[in-house]
C-alpha cells in the first residue's frame, strides 16, 4: 500500500472537469485507489464519491493505492494534481 499527501491548487478544486480527468486517470490502473480528506475515504474511481468530498482549492488530500501498479498510480495522479489538471 502506498500513500501520498497532495494539495489541490487549481482554481475550482476537484469539481466537475478536473474530477473527471482525475477519475479517468485513476481508472487506467488495476490497483484499488482511494482519496482521503480528513476522516472520509472514497473510491478514486467514483465520480460521485470524489465530488462528495467537496474538495476546494488549498485542500490537502491523501491518495492511497493498493495493488500491482500502486507506485505508478500514486505518482501519476500526484503529477496530474501538481500540474493543475493540464495534460
N, C-alpha and C. Protein backbone atom coordinates (compact mmCIF):
# COMPACT_ATOMS: atom_id res chain seq x y z
N UNK A 1 0.84 -1.18 0.00
CA UNK A 1 0.00 0.00 0.00
C UNK A 1 0.89 1.24 0.00
N UNK A 2 0.54 2.21 -0.85
CA UNK A 2 1.30 3.44 -0.98
C UNK A 2 0.37 4.61 -0.69
N UNK A 3 0.85 5.60 0.07
CA UNK A 3 0.06 6.80 0.33
C UNK A 3 0.89 8.03 0.01
N UNK A 4 0.20 9.10 -0.35
CA UNK A 4 0.89 10.37 -0.61
C UNK A 4 -0.09 11.51 -0.36
N UNK A 5 0.37 12.51 0.39
CA UNK A 5 -0.48 13.68 0.62
C UNK A 5 -0.17 14.73 -0.44
N UNK A 6 -1.22 15.29 -1.02
CA UNK A 6 -1.08 16.34 -2.03
C UNK A 6 -2.05 17.47 -1.69
N UNK A 7 -1.76 18.66 -2.24
CA UNK A 7 -2.64 19.81 -2.04
C UNK A 7 -3.22 20.22 -3.38
N UNK A 8 -4.52 20.42 -3.42
CA UNK A 8 -5.21 20.84 -4.64
C UNK A 8 -5.01 22.34 -4.81
N UNK A 9 -4.40 22.76 -5.92
CA UNK A 9 -4.09 24.18 -6.12
C UNK A 9 -4.81 24.83 -7.30
N UNK A 10 -5.55 24.05 -8.10
CA UNK A 10 -6.24 24.68 -9.21
C UNK A 10 -7.44 25.49 -8.70
N UNK A 11 -7.89 26.45 -9.49
CA UNK A 11 -8.92 27.41 -9.07
C UNK A 11 -10.21 26.78 -8.56
N UNK A 12 -10.72 25.77 -9.25
CA UNK A 12 -12.05 25.24 -8.90
C UNK A 12 -11.99 24.04 -7.96
N UNK A 13 -10.80 23.61 -7.58
CA UNK A 13 -10.68 22.44 -6.73
C UNK A 13 -10.92 21.17 -7.54
N UNK A 14 -11.39 20.14 -6.88
CA UNK A 14 -11.62 18.85 -7.55
C UNK A 14 -13.12 18.72 -7.83
N UNK A 15 -13.60 19.53 -8.78
CA UNK A 15 -15.01 19.55 -9.15
C UNK A 15 -15.14 19.32 -10.65
N UNK A 16 -16.27 18.81 -11.06
CA UNK A 16 -16.67 18.61 -12.45
C UNK A 16 -15.52 18.18 -13.37
N UNK A 17 -14.98 19.10 -14.14
CA UNK A 17 -13.99 18.73 -15.15
C UNK A 17 -12.70 18.15 -14.56
N UNK A 18 -12.06 18.83 -13.60
CA UNK A 18 -10.84 18.24 -13.02
C UNK A 18 -11.11 16.87 -12.38
N UNK A 19 -12.26 16.72 -11.75
CA UNK A 19 -12.59 15.44 -11.13
C UNK A 19 -12.74 14.36 -12.19
N UNK A 20 -13.33 14.70 -13.31
CA UNK A 20 -13.48 13.74 -14.42
C UNK A 20 -12.12 13.30 -14.94
N UNK A 21 -11.20 14.27 -15.15
CA UNK A 21 -9.83 13.92 -15.58
C UNK A 21 -9.19 12.97 -14.58
N UNK A 22 -9.33 13.31 -13.30
CA UNK A 22 -8.72 12.53 -12.22
C UNK A 22 -9.25 11.09 -12.21
N UNK A 23 -10.55 10.95 -12.34
CA UNK A 23 -11.19 9.63 -12.30
C UNK A 23 -10.82 8.80 -13.53
N UNK A 24 -10.78 9.45 -14.70
CA UNK A 24 -10.37 8.73 -15.91
C UNK A 24 -8.95 8.20 -15.76
N UNK A 25 -8.08 9.02 -15.19
CA UNK A 25 -6.68 8.61 -14.98
C UNK A 25 -6.62 7.47 -13.95
N UNK A 26 -7.38 7.57 -12.88
CA UNK A 26 -7.40 6.54 -11.84
C UNK A 26 -7.87 5.20 -12.41
N UNK A 27 -8.82 5.25 -13.33
CA UNK A 27 -9.37 4.03 -13.93
C UNK A 27 -8.40 3.33 -14.86
N UNK A 28 -7.27 3.96 -15.20
CA UNK A 28 -6.26 3.33 -16.04
C UNK A 28 -5.44 2.30 -15.26
N UNK A 29 -5.58 2.30 -13.95
CA UNK A 29 -4.77 1.42 -13.10
C UNK A 29 -5.58 0.27 -12.54
N UNK A 30 -4.90 -0.86 -12.33
CA UNK A 30 -5.55 -2.05 -11.76
C UNK A 30 -5.73 -1.93 -10.26
N UNK A 31 -4.83 -1.18 -9.61
CA UNK A 31 -4.86 -1.04 -8.15
C UNK A 31 -6.16 -0.43 -7.66
N UNK A 32 -6.50 -0.75 -6.41
CA UNK A 32 -7.58 -0.04 -5.74
C UNK A 32 -7.01 1.31 -5.31
N UNK A 33 -7.74 2.38 -5.58
CA UNK A 33 -7.25 3.73 -5.27
C UNK A 33 -8.34 4.48 -4.51
N UNK A 34 -7.92 5.17 -3.44
CA UNK A 34 -8.85 5.95 -2.64
C UNK A 34 -8.33 7.36 -2.47
N UNK A 35 -9.27 8.28 -2.22
CA UNK A 35 -8.94 9.66 -1.87
C UNK A 35 -9.47 9.86 -0.46
N UNK A 36 -8.62 10.40 0.40
CA UNK A 36 -9.00 10.62 1.79
C UNK A 36 -8.90 12.11 2.12
N UNK A 37 -9.97 12.64 2.69
CA UNK A 37 -9.99 14.04 3.15
C UNK A 37 -10.51 14.01 4.58
N UNK A 38 -9.69 14.49 5.49
CA UNK A 38 -10.00 14.44 6.91
C UNK A 38 -10.31 13.00 7.30
N UNK A 39 -11.52 12.69 7.73
CA UNK A 39 -11.80 11.32 8.17
C UNK A 39 -12.65 10.54 7.17
N UNK A 40 -12.80 11.07 5.94
CA UNK A 40 -13.62 10.38 4.93
C UNK A 40 -12.73 9.81 3.83
N UNK A 41 -13.03 8.59 3.43
CA UNK A 41 -12.28 7.94 2.36
C UNK A 41 -13.27 7.46 1.30
N UNK A 42 -12.97 7.81 0.02
CA UNK A 42 -13.85 7.39 -1.08
C UNK A 42 -13.02 6.73 -2.18
N UNK A 43 -13.70 5.98 -3.01
CA UNK A 43 -13.08 5.33 -4.16
C UNK A 43 -12.69 6.41 -5.17
N UNK A 44 -11.41 6.46 -5.55
CA UNK A 44 -10.94 7.47 -6.51
C UNK A 44 -11.47 7.23 -7.92
N UNK A 45 -12.08 6.08 -8.14
CA UNK A 45 -12.62 5.76 -9.47
C UNK A 45 -14.11 6.08 -9.56
N UNK A 46 -14.66 6.71 -8.52
CA UNK A 46 -16.08 7.04 -8.46
C UNK A 46 -16.27 8.55 -8.50
N UNK A 47 -16.93 9.05 -9.55
CA UNK A 47 -17.16 10.49 -9.68
C UNK A 47 -17.99 11.01 -8.50
N UNK A 48 -19.07 10.33 -8.18
CA UNK A 48 -19.90 10.79 -7.06
C UNK A 48 -19.13 10.79 -5.74
N UNK A 49 -18.31 9.76 -5.55
CA UNK A 49 -17.51 9.69 -4.33
C UNK A 49 -16.56 10.87 -4.21
N UNK A 50 -15.82 11.13 -5.28
CA UNK A 50 -14.84 12.22 -5.27
C UNK A 50 -15.54 13.58 -5.10
N UNK A 51 -16.63 13.78 -5.83
CA UNK A 51 -17.36 15.05 -5.72
C UNK A 51 -17.95 15.24 -4.32
N UNK A 52 -18.33 14.13 -3.68
CA UNK A 52 -18.95 14.22 -2.35
C UNK A 52 -18.00 14.76 -1.29
N UNK A 53 -16.69 14.71 -1.55
CA UNK A 53 -15.72 15.22 -0.59
C UNK A 53 -15.68 16.75 -0.57
N UNK A 54 -16.19 17.40 -1.62
CA UNK A 54 -16.20 18.86 -1.66
C UNK A 54 -14.81 19.46 -1.57
N UNK A 55 -13.91 18.98 -2.40
CA UNK A 55 -12.50 19.41 -2.34
C UNK A 55 -12.34 20.75 -3.07
N UNK A 56 -11.93 21.77 -2.35
CA UNK A 56 -11.74 23.10 -2.92
C UNK A 56 -10.25 23.45 -2.96
N UNK A 57 -9.93 24.56 -3.63
CA UNK A 57 -8.52 24.99 -3.73
C UNK A 57 -7.91 25.11 -2.34
N UNK A 58 -6.69 24.58 -2.22
CA UNK A 58 -5.97 24.65 -0.95
C UNK A 58 -6.20 23.47 -0.03
N UNK A 59 -7.06 22.53 -0.43
CA UNK A 59 -7.37 21.37 0.40
C UNK A 59 -6.26 20.32 0.28
N UNK A 60 -5.83 19.80 1.42
CA UNK A 60 -4.86 18.69 1.42
C UNK A 60 -5.65 17.39 1.43
N UNK A 61 -5.30 16.50 0.52
CA UNK A 61 -5.93 15.17 0.47
C UNK A 61 -4.83 14.12 0.48
N UNK A 62 -5.21 12.91 0.82
CA UNK A 62 -4.27 11.79 0.79
C UNK A 62 -4.72 10.82 -0.28
N UNK A 63 -3.80 10.47 -1.17
CA UNK A 63 -4.05 9.45 -2.19
C UNK A 63 -3.54 8.13 -1.64
N UNK A 64 -4.32 7.08 -1.79
CA UNK A 64 -3.96 5.76 -1.28
C UNK A 64 -4.18 4.75 -2.40
N UNK A 65 -3.17 3.93 -2.66
CA UNK A 65 -3.31 2.90 -3.69
C UNK A 65 -2.79 1.58 -3.14
N UNK A 66 -3.46 0.51 -3.55
CA UNK A 66 -3.06 -0.82 -3.12
C UNK A 66 -3.26 -1.78 -4.29
N UNK A 67 -2.17 -2.36 -4.78
CA UNK A 67 -2.27 -3.30 -5.89
C UNK A 67 -0.97 -3.40 -6.66
N UNK A 68 -1.04 -4.04 -7.80
CA UNK A 68 0.16 -4.34 -8.58
C UNK A 68 0.85 -3.10 -9.15
N UNK A 69 0.09 -2.06 -9.46
CA UNK A 69 0.70 -0.85 -10.04
C UNK A 69 0.50 0.37 -9.12
N UNK A 70 0.50 0.13 -7.81
CA UNK A 70 0.22 1.18 -6.84
C UNK A 70 1.19 2.36 -6.90
N UNK A 71 2.51 2.07 -7.06
CA UNK A 71 3.51 3.15 -7.12
C UNK A 71 3.25 4.06 -8.32
N UNK A 72 3.04 3.45 -9.48
CA UNK A 72 2.79 4.21 -10.70
C UNK A 72 1.48 5.00 -10.59
N UNK A 73 0.47 4.40 -10.01
CA UNK A 73 -0.83 5.07 -9.85
C UNK A 73 -0.69 6.33 -9.02
N UNK A 74 -0.03 6.22 -7.88
CA UNK A 74 0.12 7.38 -6.99
C UNK A 74 0.95 8.46 -7.66
N UNK A 75 2.07 8.10 -8.29
CA UNK A 75 2.91 9.13 -8.90
C UNK A 75 2.19 9.81 -10.06
N UNK A 76 1.45 9.04 -10.87
CA UNK A 76 0.72 9.63 -12.00
C UNK A 76 -0.38 10.57 -11.51
N UNK A 77 -1.15 10.16 -10.52
CA UNK A 77 -2.23 11.01 -10.02
C UNK A 77 -1.69 12.25 -9.30
N UNK A 78 -0.59 12.10 -8.58
CA UNK A 78 0.03 13.25 -7.91
C UNK A 78 0.55 14.25 -8.94
N UNK A 79 1.15 13.75 -10.03
CA UNK A 79 1.62 14.64 -11.11
C UNK A 79 0.45 15.38 -11.75
N UNK A 80 -0.66 14.69 -11.97
CA UNK A 80 -1.85 15.32 -12.55
C UNK A 80 -2.33 16.46 -11.65
N UNK A 81 -2.37 16.22 -10.35
CA UNK A 81 -2.79 17.26 -9.40
C UNK A 81 -1.79 18.42 -9.38
N UNK A 82 -0.49 18.09 -9.34
CA UNK A 82 0.55 19.13 -9.33
C UNK A 82 0.54 19.99 -10.57
N UNK A 83 0.10 19.41 -11.69
CA UNK A 83 0.06 20.18 -12.96
C UNK A 83 -1.24 20.99 -13.06
N UNK A 84 -2.04 21.01 -12.01
CA UNK A 84 -3.35 21.69 -12.01
C UNK A 84 -4.26 21.15 -13.10
N UNK A 85 -4.14 19.87 -13.37
CA UNK A 85 -5.02 19.14 -14.29
C UNK A 85 -4.85 19.54 -15.75
N UNK A 86 -3.64 19.95 -16.12
CA UNK A 86 -3.37 20.18 -17.53
C UNK A 86 -2.63 18.97 -18.05
N UNK A 87 -3.03 18.49 -19.21
CA UNK A 87 -2.41 17.27 -19.75
C UNK A 87 -1.24 17.64 -20.63
